[in-house]
């Protein structure tokens, strides 16, 4: 149950981003993801979905995915670099 509750903010964010109509000529985005849980099938699928959506959107110029076990400060460092 906790796993599904953790997905709610992610799905809500994805729905929000999908509802925002921005022309690809207007803006390009860099997306950063810090994945702290390695070897988890759900997380691997999440990373594959992020890559596929970024490629399909034609609005993402750079995708920065970091895989390491760290704390919140380390995650911030991952996505800022």
N, C-alpha and C. Protein backbone atom coordinates (compact mmCIF):
# COMPACT_ATOMS: atom_id res chain seq x y z
N UNK A 1 0.82 -1.19 0.00
CA UNK A 1 0.00 0.00 0.00
C UNK A 1 0.87 1.26 0.00
N UNK A 2 1.97 1.22 0.79
CA UNK A 2 2.85 2.39 0.85
C UNK A 2 3.45 2.69 -0.51
N UNK A 3 3.74 1.61 -1.27
CA UNK A 3 4.33 1.80 -2.60
C UNK A 3 3.37 2.58 -3.49
N UNK A 4 2.08 2.25 -3.41
CA UNK A 4 1.10 2.94 -4.23
C UNK A 4 0.89 4.38 -3.77
N UNK A 5 0.96 4.61 -2.48
CA UNK A 5 0.83 5.98 -1.97
C UNK A 5 2.01 6.83 -2.39
N UNK A 6 3.17 6.22 -2.49
CA UNK A 6 4.35 6.96 -2.93
C UNK A 6 4.25 7.35 -4.40
N UNK A 7 3.48 6.59 -5.17
CA UNK A 7 3.33 6.88 -6.60
C UNK A 7 2.35 8.01 -6.86
N UNK A 8 1.47 8.31 -5.92
CA UNK A 8 0.44 9.33 -6.12
C UNK A 8 1.03 10.69 -6.49
N UNK A 9 2.02 11.22 -5.75
CA UNK A 9 2.58 12.52 -6.15
C UNK A 9 3.26 12.47 -7.52
N UNK A 10 3.91 11.34 -7.82
CA UNK A 10 4.56 11.20 -9.12
C UNK A 10 3.53 11.23 -10.24
N UNK A 11 2.44 10.50 -10.07
CA UNK A 11 1.40 10.48 -11.09
C UNK A 11 0.69 11.83 -11.20
N UNK A 12 0.48 12.49 -10.08
CA UNK A 12 -0.14 13.81 -10.12
C UNK A 12 0.75 14.80 -10.85
N UNK A 13 2.04 14.73 -10.59
CA UNK A 13 2.98 15.61 -11.29
C UNK A 13 3.01 15.33 -12.78
N UNK A 14 2.98 14.05 -13.14
CA UNK A 14 2.98 13.69 -14.56
C UNK A 14 1.70 14.18 -15.24
N UNK A 15 0.57 14.05 -14.55
CA UNK A 15 -0.69 14.53 -15.11
C UNK A 15 -0.66 16.04 -15.30
N UNK A 16 -0.10 16.75 -14.34
CA UNK A 16 0.01 18.20 -14.46
C UNK A 16 0.88 18.59 -15.65
N UNK A 17 2.04 17.94 -15.76
CA UNK A 17 2.94 18.25 -16.87
C UNK A 17 2.30 17.93 -18.22
N UNK A 18 1.52 16.86 -18.26
CA UNK A 18 0.85 16.49 -19.51
C UNK A 18 -0.24 17.50 -19.88
N UNK A 19 -0.82 18.14 -18.87
CA UNK A 19 -1.91 19.07 -19.13
C UNK A 19 -1.43 20.46 -19.56
N UNK A 20 -0.16 20.75 -19.32
CA UNK A 20 0.39 22.06 -19.67
C UNK A 20 0.77 22.04 -21.14
N UNK A 21 0.14 22.86 -21.92
CA UNK A 21 0.42 22.89 -23.35
C UNK A 21 1.50 23.90 -23.68
N UNK A 22 2.71 23.43 -23.90
CA UNK A 22 3.83 24.30 -24.26
C UNK A 22 4.37 23.85 -25.60
N UNK A 23 4.49 24.76 -26.50
CA UNK A 23 5.06 24.44 -27.81
C UNK A 23 6.53 24.13 -27.67
N UNK A 24 7.00 23.14 -28.44
CA UNK A 24 8.41 22.76 -28.36
C UNK A 24 9.31 23.88 -28.85
N UNK A 25 8.77 24.83 -29.62
CA UNK A 25 9.57 25.96 -30.09
C UNK A 25 9.79 26.97 -28.97
N UNK A 26 8.93 26.96 -27.96
CA UNK A 26 9.02 27.94 -26.88
C UNK A 26 10.06 27.58 -25.83
N UNK A 27 10.12 26.33 -25.44
CA UNK A 27 11.00 25.98 -24.32
C UNK A 27 11.56 24.58 -24.48
N UNK A 28 12.77 24.40 -24.02
CA UNK A 28 13.41 23.09 -23.93
C UNK A 28 13.78 22.89 -22.47
N UNK A 29 13.74 21.66 -22.03
CA UNK A 29 13.92 21.38 -20.62
C UNK A 29 15.07 20.41 -20.36
N UNK A 30 15.67 20.55 -19.19
CA UNK A 30 16.61 19.58 -18.65
C UNK A 30 15.93 18.95 -17.45
N UNK A 31 15.92 17.63 -17.40
CA UNK A 31 15.27 16.92 -16.31
C UNK A 31 16.34 16.15 -15.54
N UNK A 32 16.34 16.30 -14.22
CA UNK A 32 17.27 15.57 -13.37
C UNK A 32 16.54 14.61 -12.46
N UNK A 33 17.05 13.38 -12.37
CA UNK A 33 16.46 12.35 -11.52
C UNK A 33 17.57 11.72 -10.69
N UNK A 34 17.39 11.68 -9.40
CA UNK A 34 18.33 11.01 -8.52
C UNK A 34 17.67 9.74 -8.00
N UNK A 35 18.14 8.60 -8.46
CA UNK A 35 17.56 7.31 -8.12
C UNK A 35 18.40 6.67 -7.02
N UNK A 36 17.84 6.58 -5.82
CA UNK A 36 18.60 6.05 -4.69
C UNK A 36 18.36 4.57 -4.45
N UNK A 37 17.40 3.98 -5.13
CA UNK A 37 17.10 2.56 -4.93
C UNK A 37 17.45 1.83 -6.22
N UNK A 38 18.53 1.07 -6.18
CA UNK A 38 18.98 0.34 -7.36
C UNK A 38 18.59 -1.13 -7.23
N UNK A 39 18.32 -1.76 -8.37
CA UNK A 39 17.96 -3.17 -8.36
C UNK A 39 16.50 -3.42 -8.09
N UNK A 40 15.71 -2.37 -7.98
CA UNK A 40 14.27 -2.50 -7.76
C UNK A 40 13.58 -2.43 -9.11
N UNK A 41 12.79 -3.44 -9.45
CA UNK A 41 12.14 -3.49 -10.76
C UNK A 41 11.27 -2.29 -11.05
N UNK A 42 10.55 -1.79 -10.03
CA UNK A 42 9.69 -0.63 -10.25
C UNK A 42 10.53 0.59 -10.59
N UNK A 43 11.64 0.78 -9.90
CA UNK A 43 12.50 1.93 -10.17
C UNK A 43 13.13 1.84 -11.56
N UNK A 44 13.53 0.64 -11.97
CA UNK A 44 14.09 0.46 -13.30
C UNK A 44 13.05 0.81 -14.37
N UNK A 45 11.82 0.37 -14.15
CA UNK A 45 10.73 0.69 -15.08
C UNK A 45 10.46 2.20 -15.09
N UNK A 46 10.54 2.84 -13.93
CA UNK A 46 10.33 4.29 -13.83
C UNK A 46 11.37 5.03 -14.68
N UNK A 47 12.65 4.64 -14.57
CA UNK A 47 13.71 5.29 -15.34
C UNK A 47 13.49 5.08 -16.83
N UNK A 48 13.10 3.87 -17.23
CA UNK A 48 12.81 3.61 -18.66
C UNK A 48 11.66 4.48 -19.15
N UNK A 49 10.62 4.64 -18.32
CA UNK A 49 9.48 5.47 -18.70
C UNK A 49 9.87 6.94 -18.82
N UNK A 50 10.72 7.40 -17.92
CA UNK A 50 11.19 8.79 -17.98
C UNK A 50 11.96 9.02 -19.27
N UNK A 51 12.85 8.08 -19.61
CA UNK A 51 13.64 8.21 -20.84
C UNK A 51 12.74 8.21 -22.08
N UNK A 52 11.77 7.30 -22.10
CA UNK A 52 10.87 7.20 -23.26
C UNK A 52 10.03 8.46 -23.42
N UNK A 53 9.50 8.97 -22.32
CA UNK A 53 8.66 10.17 -22.40
C UNK A 53 9.48 11.39 -22.79
N UNK A 54 10.69 11.49 -22.27
CA UNK A 54 11.56 12.61 -22.62
C UNK A 54 11.87 12.60 -24.11
N UNK A 55 12.14 11.41 -24.65
CA UNK A 55 12.43 11.28 -26.07
C UNK A 55 11.20 11.61 -26.92
N UNK A 56 10.04 11.11 -26.50
CA UNK A 56 8.81 11.32 -27.26
C UNK A 56 8.32 12.76 -27.21
N UNK A 57 8.63 13.48 -26.16
CA UNK A 57 8.10 14.83 -25.99
C UNK A 57 8.73 15.85 -26.92
N UNK A 58 9.95 15.64 -27.32
CA UNK A 58 10.70 16.59 -28.15
C UNK A 58 10.86 17.94 -27.46
N UNK A 59 10.69 17.97 -26.15
CA UNK A 59 10.86 19.21 -25.38
C UNK A 59 12.00 19.10 -24.38
N UNK A 60 12.58 17.92 -24.26
CA UNK A 60 13.65 17.69 -23.29
C UNK A 60 14.97 17.63 -24.03
N UNK A 61 15.87 18.55 -23.69
CA UNK A 61 17.17 18.58 -24.36
C UNK A 61 18.21 17.76 -23.62
N UNK A 62 18.03 17.59 -22.31
CA UNK A 62 19.01 16.84 -21.53
C UNK A 62 18.30 16.10 -20.40
N UNK A 63 18.70 14.86 -20.21
CA UNK A 63 18.16 14.04 -19.13
C UNK A 63 19.34 13.58 -18.27
N UNK A 64 19.36 14.02 -17.01
CA UNK A 64 20.45 13.70 -16.10
C UNK A 64 19.93 12.72 -15.05
N UNK A 65 20.35 11.45 -15.17
CA UNK A 65 19.89 10.42 -14.24
C UNK A 65 21.10 9.93 -13.44
N UNK A 66 21.01 10.03 -12.13
CA UNK A 66 22.08 9.59 -11.24
C UNK A 66 21.59 8.41 -10.41
N UNK A 67 22.40 7.36 -10.33
CA UNK A 67 22.09 6.18 -9.54
C UNK A 67 23.13 6.06 -8.43
N UNK A 68 22.74 6.34 -7.20
CA UNK A 68 23.64 6.10 -6.06
C UNK A 68 22.84 6.17 -4.77
N UNK A 69 23.32 5.45 -3.79
CA UNK A 69 22.70 5.48 -2.47
C UNK A 69 23.21 6.70 -1.73
N UNK A 70 22.30 7.61 -1.42
CA UNK A 70 22.69 8.86 -0.77
C UNK A 70 21.52 9.42 0.03
N UNK A 71 21.74 10.54 0.67
CA UNK A 71 20.69 11.21 1.43
C UNK A 71 20.09 12.34 0.59
N UNK A 72 19.21 13.12 1.18
CA UNK A 72 18.53 14.20 0.44
C UNK A 72 19.53 15.23 -0.09
N UNK A 73 20.54 15.56 0.69
CA UNK A 73 21.55 16.52 0.22
C UNK A 73 22.31 15.97 -0.98
N UNK A 74 22.59 14.68 -0.95
CA UNK A 74 23.26 14.04 -2.08
C UNK A 74 22.39 14.02 -3.32
N UNK A 75 21.08 13.84 -3.14
CA UNK A 75 20.17 13.87 -4.28
C UNK A 75 20.14 15.26 -4.90
N UNK A 76 20.11 16.30 -4.08
CA UNK A 76 20.16 17.66 -4.61
C UNK A 76 21.43 17.89 -5.41
N UNK A 77 22.53 17.40 -4.89
CA UNK A 77 23.81 17.52 -5.59
C UNK A 77 23.76 16.78 -6.93
N UNK A 78 23.14 15.60 -6.94
CA UNK A 78 23.02 14.82 -8.17
C UNK A 78 22.29 15.58 -9.27
N UNK A 79 21.15 16.16 -8.93
CA UNK A 79 20.35 16.80 -9.97
C UNK A 79 20.85 18.19 -10.35
N UNK A 80 21.66 18.79 -9.51
CA UNK A 80 22.22 20.10 -9.84
C UNK A 80 23.45 19.98 -10.72
N UNK A 81 24.07 18.83 -10.76
CA UNK A 81 25.29 18.64 -11.56
C UNK A 81 24.98 18.12 -12.93
